[in-house]
Amino acid sequence: MDMRPTRGRRHRIRTAVLLVSAWASCWLVVPVGAARLAAAQPVGAAPLDGRALFVDKGCAGCHAGKGPGPDLTARRGAENFWAFGAAAWNHAPAMRAQMAQGKVPWPSLSPDELGALVTFLGIAVEEAVDANLTEGKSMLVRKGCLRCHALAGEGARIGPDLTRGDYRSAVVWLARLWNHAPSMGERFYQMGIPYPLFTGPELRNLFAYLRPIAPASR
């Protein structure tokens, strides 16, 4: 008996083999392609961007072990996000004076740039989790915020109304604080108001209290 497949059967076998090959190639090519794409992406892109910003914004001149400020690169991952924000705010007047002596302009930061910098420094961005809203409200009076700013019809009109602030995220708010720290410090000096200092929890509580009040953050 002739066991050789007929022409029609050979055609069906050839078609089945091609379909199985095509199916198998899809499963083989996808992982290979994904691996190539992953290899093409710079590993740790955000930290690399933050490293460049650390130099471009002038941070490395004072905070990389050779300047007057603390070496932030040696403490990577050791800082809490809100403690870092409070430290930046608290030392802004001294930093401004130091930079003014060297005729160095104050480095403004966008929220994306601040996010990249804290990522480079190994600091995890935190929102105001488990904040104390009662304490946050008390900060407005205890820290003298209402001596320049208004909130819900109370306070002064020297600075912007706090209900118009941008509290979409902690990074957005802290970037705004950083950018306006020199002008606010100068205004405090002119008015004879002591520069308010914050701890990390105090700054977090203040942000948590203000966030739901501002329409832009809802």
C-alpha atoms as a PDB file:
ATOM      1  CA  MET A   1       0.000   0.000   0.000  1.00  0.00           C
ATOM      2  CA  ASP A   2       1.315   3.430  -0.928  1.00  0.00           C
ATOM      3  CA  MET A   3       1.718   5.265   2.442  1.00  0.00           C
ATOM      4  CA  ARG A   4       2.935   8.526   0.884  1.00  0.00           C
ATOM      5  CA  PRO A   5       0.577  11.445   1.611  1.00  0.00           C
ATOM      6  CA  THR A   6      -1.528  12.704  -1.211  1.00  0.00           C
ATOM      7  CA  ARG A   7      -1.007  16.177  -2.644  1.00  0.00           C
ATOM      8  CA  GLY A   8      -3.941  17.566  -0.639  1.00  0.00           C
ATOM      9  CA  ARG A   9      -2.704  15.996   2.563  1.00  0.00           C
ATOM     10  CA  ARG A  10       0.808  17.327   1.979  1.00  0.00           C
ATOM     11  CA  HIS A  11      -0.664  20.795   1.541  1.00  0.00           C
ATOM     12  CA  ARG A  12      -2.587  20.526   4.828  1.00  0.00           C
ATOM     13  CA  ILE A  13       0.510  19.295   6.663  1.00  0.00           C
ATOM     14  CA  ARG A  14       2.621  22.118   5.227  1.00  0.00           C
ATOM     15  CA  THR A  15       0.002  24.686   6.254  1.00  0.00           C
ATOM     16  CA  ALA A  16      -0.191  23.290   9.784  1.00  0.00           C
ATOM     17  CA  VAL A  17       3.601  23.402  10.124  1.00  0.00           C
ATOM     18  CA  LEU A  18       3.667  27.026   8.970  1.00  0.00           C
ATOM     19  CA  LEU A  19       0.925  27.982  11.431  1.00  0.00           C
ATOM     20  CA  VAL A  20       2.690  26.267  14.346  1.00  0.00           C
ATOM     21  CA  SER A  21       5.975  27.955  13.370  1.00  0.00           C
ATOM     22  CA  ALA A  22       4.318  31.349  13.199  1.00  0.00           C
ATOM     23  CA  TRP A  23       2.645  30.812  16.581  1.00  0.00           C
ATOM     24  CA  ALA A  24       5.913  29.706  18.162  1.00  0.00           C
ATOM     25  CA  SER A  25       7.827  32.632  16.670  1.00  0.00           C
ATOM     26  CA  CYS A  26       5.403  35.078  18.270  1.00  0.00           C
ATOM     27  CA  TRP A  27       6.147  33.692  21.709  1.00  0.00           C
ATOM     28  CA  LEU A  28       9.858  33.695  21.036  1.00  0.00           C
ATOM     29  CA  VAL A  29      10.084  37.138  19.421  1.00  0.00           C
ATOM     30  CA  VAL A  30       8.031  39.028  22.028  1.00  0.00           C
ATOM     31  CA  PRO A  31      10.375  38.301  24.953  1.00  0.00           C
ATOM     32  CA  VAL A  32      13.431  38.988  22.804  1.00  0.00           C
ATOM     33  CA  GLY A  33      11.927  42.258  21.594  1.00  0.00           C
ATOM     34  CA  ALA A  34      10.963  43.236  25.138  1.00  0.00           C
ATOM     35  CA  ALA A  35      14.493  42.496  26.305  1.00  0.00           C
ATOM     36  CA  ARG A  36      15.917  44.670  23.553  1.00  0.00           C
ATOM     37  CA  LEU A  37      13.561  47.514  24.438  1.00  0.00           C
ATOM     38  CA  ALA A  38      14.438  47.184  28.105  1.00  0.00           C
ATOM     39  CA  ALA A  39      18.130  47.254  27.227  1.00  0.00           C
ATOM     40  CA  ALA A  40      17.562  50.379  25.158  1.00  0.00           C
ATOM     41  CA  GLN A  41      15.990  52.203  28.126  1.00  0.00           C
ATOM     42  CA  PRO A  42      18.543  53.855  30.423  1.00  0.00           C
ATOM     43  CA  VAL A  43      18.530  52.007  33.719  1.00  0.00           C
ATOM     44  CA  GLY A  44      17.638  54.393  36.536  1.00  0.00           C
ATOM     45  CA  ALA A  45      16.683  57.200  34.148  1.00  0.00           C
ATOM     46  CA  ALA A  46      15.231  59.381  36.905  1.00  0.00           C
ATOM     47  CA  PRO A  47      18.329  59.162  39.146  1.00  0.00           C
ATOM     48  CA  LEU A  48      20.551  59.981  36.157  1.00  0.00           C
ATOM     49  CA  ASP A  49      18.454  63.035  35.380  1.00  0.00           C
ATOM     50  CA  GLY A  50      18.613  63.995  39.034  1.00  0.00           C
ATOM     51  CA  ARG A  51      22.390  63.629  39.030  1.00  0.00           C
ATOM     52  CA  ALA A  52      22.643  66.023  36.086  1.00  0.00           C
ATOM     53  CA  LEU A  53      20.313  68.486  37.799  1.00  0.00           C
ATOM     54  CA  PHE A  54      22.348  68.204  40.993  1.00  0.00           C
ATOM     55  CA  VAL A  55      25.276  69.603  39.033  1.00  0.00           C
ATOM     56  CA  ASP A  56      23.417  71.970  36.696  1.00  0.00           C
ATOM     57  CA  LYS A  57      21.489  73.661  39.513  1.00  0.00           C
ATOM     58  CA  GLY A  58      24.684  74.242  41.481  1.00  0.00           C
ATOM     59  CA  CYS A  59      23.841  71.829  44.324  1.00  0.00           C
ATOM     60  CA  ALA A  60      27.102  69.933  43.854  1.00  0.00           C
ATOM     61  CA  GLY A  61      29.123  73.068  44.535  1.00  0.00           C
ATOM     62  CA  CYS A  62      28.054  73.051  48.199  1.00  0.00           C
ATOM     63  CA  HIS A  63      26.537  69.646  48.881  1.00  0.00           C
ATOM     64  CA  ALA A  64      28.861  67.041  47.354  1.00  0.00           C
ATOM     65  CA  GLY A  65      31.500  66.861  50.060  1.00  0.00           C
ATOM     66  CA  LYS A  66      33.642  69.818  48.994  1.00  0.00           C
ATOM     67  CA  GLY A  67      31.479  72.803  49.880  1.00  0.00           C
ATOM     68  CA  PRO A  68      30.157  74.490  53.020  1.00  0.00           C
ATOM     69  CA  GLY A  69      26.894  72.545  53.071  1.00  0.00           C
ATOM     70  CA  PRO A  70      26.259  68.959  54.212  1.00  0.00           C
ATOM     71  CA  ASP A  71      27.188  66.237  51.748  1.00  0.00           C
ATOM     72  CA  LEU A  72      23.779  65.121  50.493  1.00  0.00           C
ATOM     73  CA  THR A  73      25.282  62.435  48.267  1.00  0.00           C
ATOM     74  CA  ALA A  74      26.780  60.673  51.294  1.00  0.00           C
ATOM     75  CA  ARG A  75      23.374  60.454  52.952  1.00  0.00           C
ATOM     76  CA  ARG A  76      21.446  59.012  50.029  1.00  0.00           C
ATOM     77  CA  GLY A  77      18.351  57.202  51.205  1.00  0.00           C
ATOM     78  CA  ALA A  78      18.767  58.376  54.798  1.00  0.00           C
ATOM     79  CA  GLU A  79      16.439  61.363  54.569  1.00  0.00           C
ATOM     80  CA  ASN A  80      12.683  61.415  55.054  1.00  0.00           C
ATOM     81  CA  PHE A  81      10.891  63.388  52.339  1.00  0.00           C
ATOM     82  CA  TRP A  82       9.237  65.862  54.684  1.00  0.00           C
ATOM     83  CA  ALA A  83      12.369  66.222  56.819  1.00  0.00           C
ATOM     84  CA  PHE A  84      14.286  67.019  53.641  1.00  0.00           C
ATOM     85  CA  GLY A  85      11.693  69.633  52.636  1.00  0.00           C
ATOM     86  CA  ALA A  86      11.784  71.219  56.076  1.00  0.00           C
ATOM     87  CA  ALA A  87      15.586  71.315  56.092  1.00  0.00           C
ATOM     88  CA  ALA A  88      15.624  72.998  52.667  1.00  0.00           C
ATOM     89  CA  TRP A  89      13.132  75.609  53.873  1.00  0.00           C
ATOM     90  CA  ASN A  90      14.875  76.204  57.205  1.00  0.00           C
ATOM     91  CA  HIS A  91      18.284  76.743  55.638  1.00  0.00           C
ATOM     92  CA  ALA A  92      17.049  78.841  52.717  1.00  0.00           C
ATOM     93  CA  PRO A  93      18.068  82.212  54.268  1.00  0.00           C
ATOM     94  CA  ALA A  94      21.618  81.010  54.998  1.00  0.00           C
ATOM     95  CA  MET A  95      21.889  79.455  51.552  1.00  0.00           C
ATOM     96  CA  ARG A  96      20.588  82.644  49.965  1.00  0.00           C
ATOM     97  CA  ALA A  97      23.178  84.732  51.812  1.00  0.00           C
ATOM     98  CA  GLN A  98      25.972  82.352  50.830  1.00  0.00           C
ATOM     99  CA  MET A  99      24.899  82.388  47.191  1.00  0.00           C
ATOM    100  CA  ALA A 100      24.530  86.169  47.169  1.00  0.00           C
ATOM    101  CA  GLN A 101      28.147  86.523  48.318  1.00  0.00           C
ATOM    102  CA  GLY A 102      29.253  84.422  45.379  1.00  0.00           C
ATOM    103  CA  LYS A 103      26.797  86.194  43.054  1.00  0.00           C
ATOM    104  CA  VAL A 104      25.124  82.872  42.343  1.00  0.00           C
ATOM    105  CA  PRO A 105      21.459  83.107  41.315  1.00  0.00           C
ATOM    106  CA  TRP A 106      18.864  81.177  43.294  1.00  0.00           C
ATOM    107  CA  PRO A 107      18.157  77.935  41.419  1.00  0.00           C
ATOM    108  CA  SER A 108      14.465  77.596  40.655  1.00  0.00           C
ATOM    109  CA  LEU A 109      13.019  74.098  40.461  1.00  0.00           C
ATOM    110  CA  SER A 110      10.005  72.786  38.627  1.00  0.00           C
ATOM    111  CA  PRO A 111       8.055  69.968  40.311  1.00  0.00           C
ATOM    112  CA  ASP A 112       9.556  67.483  37.836  1.00  0.00           C
ATOM    113  CA  GLU A 113      13.063  68.714  38.595  1.00  0.00           C
ATOM    114  CA  LEU A 114      12.518  68.487  42.337  1.00  0.00           C
ATOM    115  CA  GLY A 115      11.121  64.983  41.888  1.00  0.00           C
ATOM    116  CA  ALA A 116      14.195  63.947  39.922  1.00  0.00           C
ATOM    117  CA  LEU A 117      16.536  65.446  42.515  1.00  0.00           C
ATOM    118  CA  VAL A 118      14.953  63.685  45.481  1.00  0.00           C
ATOM    119  CA  THR A 119      14.949  60.440  43.491  1.00  0.00           C
ATOM    120  CA  PHE A 120      18.672  60.847  42.824  1.00  0.00           C
ATOM    121  CA  LEU A 121      19.203  61.434  46.543  1.00  0.00           C
ATOM    122  CA  GLY A 122      17.339  58.228  47.338  1.00  0.00           C
ATOM    123  CA  ILE A 123      14.410  59.996  48.998  1.00  0.00           C
ATOM    124  CA  ALA A 124      10.987  58.466  48.474  1.00  0.00           C
ATOM    125  CA  VAL A 125       8.301  61.064  47.763  1.00  0.00           C
ATOM    126  CA  GLU A 126       5.577  60.941  50.392  1.00  0.00           C
ATOM    127  CA  GLU A 127       2.176  62.542  50.431  1.00  0.00           C
ATOM    128  CA  ALA A 128       0.676  63.696  53.717  1.00  0.00           C
ATOM    129  CA  VAL A 129      -0.235  60.259  55.061  1.00  0.00           C
ATOM    130  CA  ASP A 130      -1.438  60.065  58.681  1.00  0.00           C
ATOM    131  CA  ALA A 131      -1.146  63.827  59.040  1.00  0.00           C
ATOM    132  CA  ASN A 132      -2.651  65.730  61.960  1.00  0.00           C
ATOM    133  CA  LEU A 133      -5.046  68.274  60.472  1.00  0.00           C
ATOM    134  CA  THR A 134      -5.598  70.013  63.795  1.00  0.00           C
ATOM    135  CA  GLU A 135      -1.866  70.569  64.128  1.00  0.00           C
ATOM    136  CA  GLY A 136      -1.739  71.682  60.499  1.00  0.00           C
ATOM    137  CA  LYS A 137      -4.341  74.352  61.168  1.00  0.00           C
ATOM    138  CA  SER A 138      -2.460  75.557  64.239  1.00  0.00           C
ATOM    139  CA  MET A 139       0.670  76.027  62.096  1.00  0.00           C
ATOM    140  CA  LEU A 140      -1.035  78.936  60.319  1.00  0.00           C
ATOM    141  CA  VAL A 141      -1.019  80.939  63.542  1.00  0.00           C
ATOM    142  CA  ARG A 142       2.011  79.511  65.326  1.00  0.00           C
ATOM    143  CA  LYS A 143       4.306  80.000  62.333  1.00  0.00           C
ATOM    144  CA  GLY A 144       2.905  83.416  61.408  1.00  0.00           C
ATOM    145  CA  CYS A 145       1.519  82.379  58.001  1.00  0.00           C
ATOM    146  CA  LEU A 146      -1.590  84.556  58.422  1.00  0.00           C
ATOM    147  CA  ARG A 147       0.548  87.632  59.014  1.00  0.00           C
ATOM    148  CA  CYS A 148       1.158  87.684  55.259  1.00  0.00           C
ATOM    149  CA  HIS A 149      -1.418  85.313  53.769  1.00  0.00           C
ATOM    150  CA  ALA A 150      -5.191  85.113  53.881  1.00  0.00           C
ATOM    151  CA  LEU A 151      -7.202  81.943  54.257  1.00  0.00           C
ATOM    152  CA  ALA A 152     -10.996  81.725  54.242  1.00  0.00           C
ATOM    153  CA  GLY A 153     -11.298  85.483  54.722  1.00  0.00           C
ATOM    154  CA  GLU A 154      -8.855  85.649  57.631  1.00  0.00           C
ATOM    155  CA  GLY A 155      -5.303  86.957  57.650  1.00  0.00           C
ATOM    156  CA  ALA A 156      -3.354  89.573  55.724  1.00  0.00           C
ATOM    157  CA  ARG A 157      -3.240  90.344  52.012  1.00  0.00           C
ATOM    158  CA  ILE A 158       0.504  90.817  51.593  1.00  0.00           C
ATOM    159  CA  GLY A 159       1.155  87.415  50.061  1.00  0.00           C
ATOM    160  CA  PRO A 160      -1.081  85.257  47.870  1.00  0.00           C
ATOM    161  CA  ASP A 161      -4.313  83.873  49.258  1.00  0.00           C
ATOM    162  CA  LEU A 162      -3.581  80.352  50.454  1.00  0.00           C
ATOM    163  CA  THR A 163      -6.836  79.032  48.993  1.00  0.00           C
ATOM    164  CA  ARG A 164      -5.314  79.711  45.563  1.00  0.00           C
ATOM    165  CA  GLY A 165      -2.275  77.578  46.189  1.00  0.00           C
ATOM    166  CA  ASP A 166      -1.401  74.514  44.165  1.00  0.00           C
ATOM    167  CA  TYR A 167      -1.562  71.471  46.415  1.00  0.00           C
ATOM    168  CA  ARG A 168      -1.981  68.757  43.783  1.00  0.00           C
ATOM    169  CA  SER A 169       0.989  66.920  45.243  1.00  0.00           C
ATOM    170  CA  ALA A 170       3.636  67.374  47.896  1.00  0.00           C
ATOM    171  CA  VAL A 171       6.332  67.826  45.244  1.00  0.00           C
ATOM    172  CA  VAL A 172       4.381  70.608  43.516  1.00  0.00           C
ATOM    173  CA  TRP A 173       3.891  72.442  46.803  1.00  0.00           C
ATOM    174  CA  LEU A 174       7.476  72.055  48.012  1.00  0.00           C
ATOM    175  CA  ALA A 175       8.832  73.221  44.653  1.00  0.00           C
ATOM    176  CA  ARG A 176       6.717  76.361  45.005  1.00  0.00           C
ATOM    177  CA  LEU A 177       7.952  76.928  48.555  1.00  0.00           C
ATOM    178  CA  TRP A 178      11.551  76.546  47.419  1.00  0.00           C
ATOM    179  CA  ASN A 179      11.170  78.969  44.525  1.00  0.00           C
ATOM    180  CA  HIS A 180       9.593  81.656  46.702  1.00  0.00           C
ATOM    181  CA  ALA A 181      11.769  81.143  49.793  1.00  0.00           C
ATOM    182  CA  PRO A 182      14.188  84.031  48.994  1.00  0.00           C
ATOM    183  CA  SER A 183      11.439  86.605  48.418  1.00  0.00           C
ATOM    184  CA  MET A 184       9.507  85.432  51.478  1.00  0.00           C
ATOM    185  CA  GLY A 185      12.660  85.571  53.587  1.00  0.00           C
ATOM    186  CA  GLU A 186      13.311  89.114  52.436  1.00  0.00           C
ATOM    187  CA  ARG A 187       9.755  90.127  53.282  1.00  0.00           C
ATOM    188  CA  PHE A 188      10.065  88.606  56.756  1.00  0.00           C
ATOM    189  CA  TYR A 189      13.203  90.656  57.312  1.00  0.00           C
ATOM    190  CA  GLN A 190      11.524  93.875  56.137  1.00  0.00           C
ATOM    191  CA  MET A 191       8.547  93.290  58.416  1.00  0.00           C
ATOM    192  CA  GLY A 192      10.686  92.294  61.396  1.00  0.00           C
ATOM    193  CA  ILE A 193       9.086  88.849  61.509  1.00  0.00           C
ATOM    194  CA  PRO A 194      11.254  85.916  62.578  1.00  0.00           C
ATOM    195  CA  TYR A 195      11.766  83.420  59.799  1.00  0.00           C
ATOM    196  CA  PRO A 196       9.521  80.443  60.635  1.00  0.00           C
ATOM    197  CA  LEU A 197      11.239  77.094  61.042  1.00  0.00           C
ATOM    198  CA  PHE A 198       9.501  73.762  60.488  1.00  0.00           C
ATOM    199  CA  THR A 199      10.039  70.156  61.385  1.00  0.00           C
ATOM    200  CA  GLY A 200       9.159  67.515  58.841  1.00  0.00           C
ATOM    201  CA  PRO A 201       5.888  66.545  60.575  1.00  0.00           C
ATOM    202  CA  GLU A 202       4.870  70.213  60.935  1.00  0.00           C
ATOM    203  CA  LEU A 203       5.349  70.836  57.230  1.00  0.00           C
ATOM    204  CA  ARG A 204       3.445  67.657  56.374  1.00  0.00           C
ATOM    205  CA  ASN A 205       0.561  68.610  58.690  1.00  0.00           C
ATOM    206  CA  LEU A 206       0.341  72.095  57.189  1.00  0.00           C
ATOM    207  CA  PHE A 207       0.208  70.704  53.654  1.00  0.00           C
ATOM    208  CA  ALA A 208      -2.451  68.164  54.652  1.00  0.00           C
ATOM    209  CA  TYR A 209      -4.617  70.912  56.154  1.00  0.00           C
ATOM    210  CA  LEU A 210      -4.311  73.253  53.176  1.00  0.00           C
ATOM    211  CA  ARG A 211      -4.734  70.647  50.444  1.00  0.00           C
ATOM    212  CA  PRO A 212      -8.516  70.052  50.667  1.00  0.00           C
ATOM    213  CA  ILE A 213      -9.217  73.783  51.050  1.00  0.00           C
ATOM    214  CA  ALA A 214      -7.800  74.861  47.684  1.00  0.00           C
ATOM    215  CA  PRO A 215     -10.124  74.233  44.719  1.00  0.00           C
ATOM    216  CA  ALA A 216      -7.165  73.556  42.384  1.00  0.00           C
ATOM    217  CA  SER A 217      -6.129  70.522  44.400  1.00  0.00           C
ATOM    218  CA  ARG A 218      -9.517  68.820  44.458  1.00  0.00           C
END
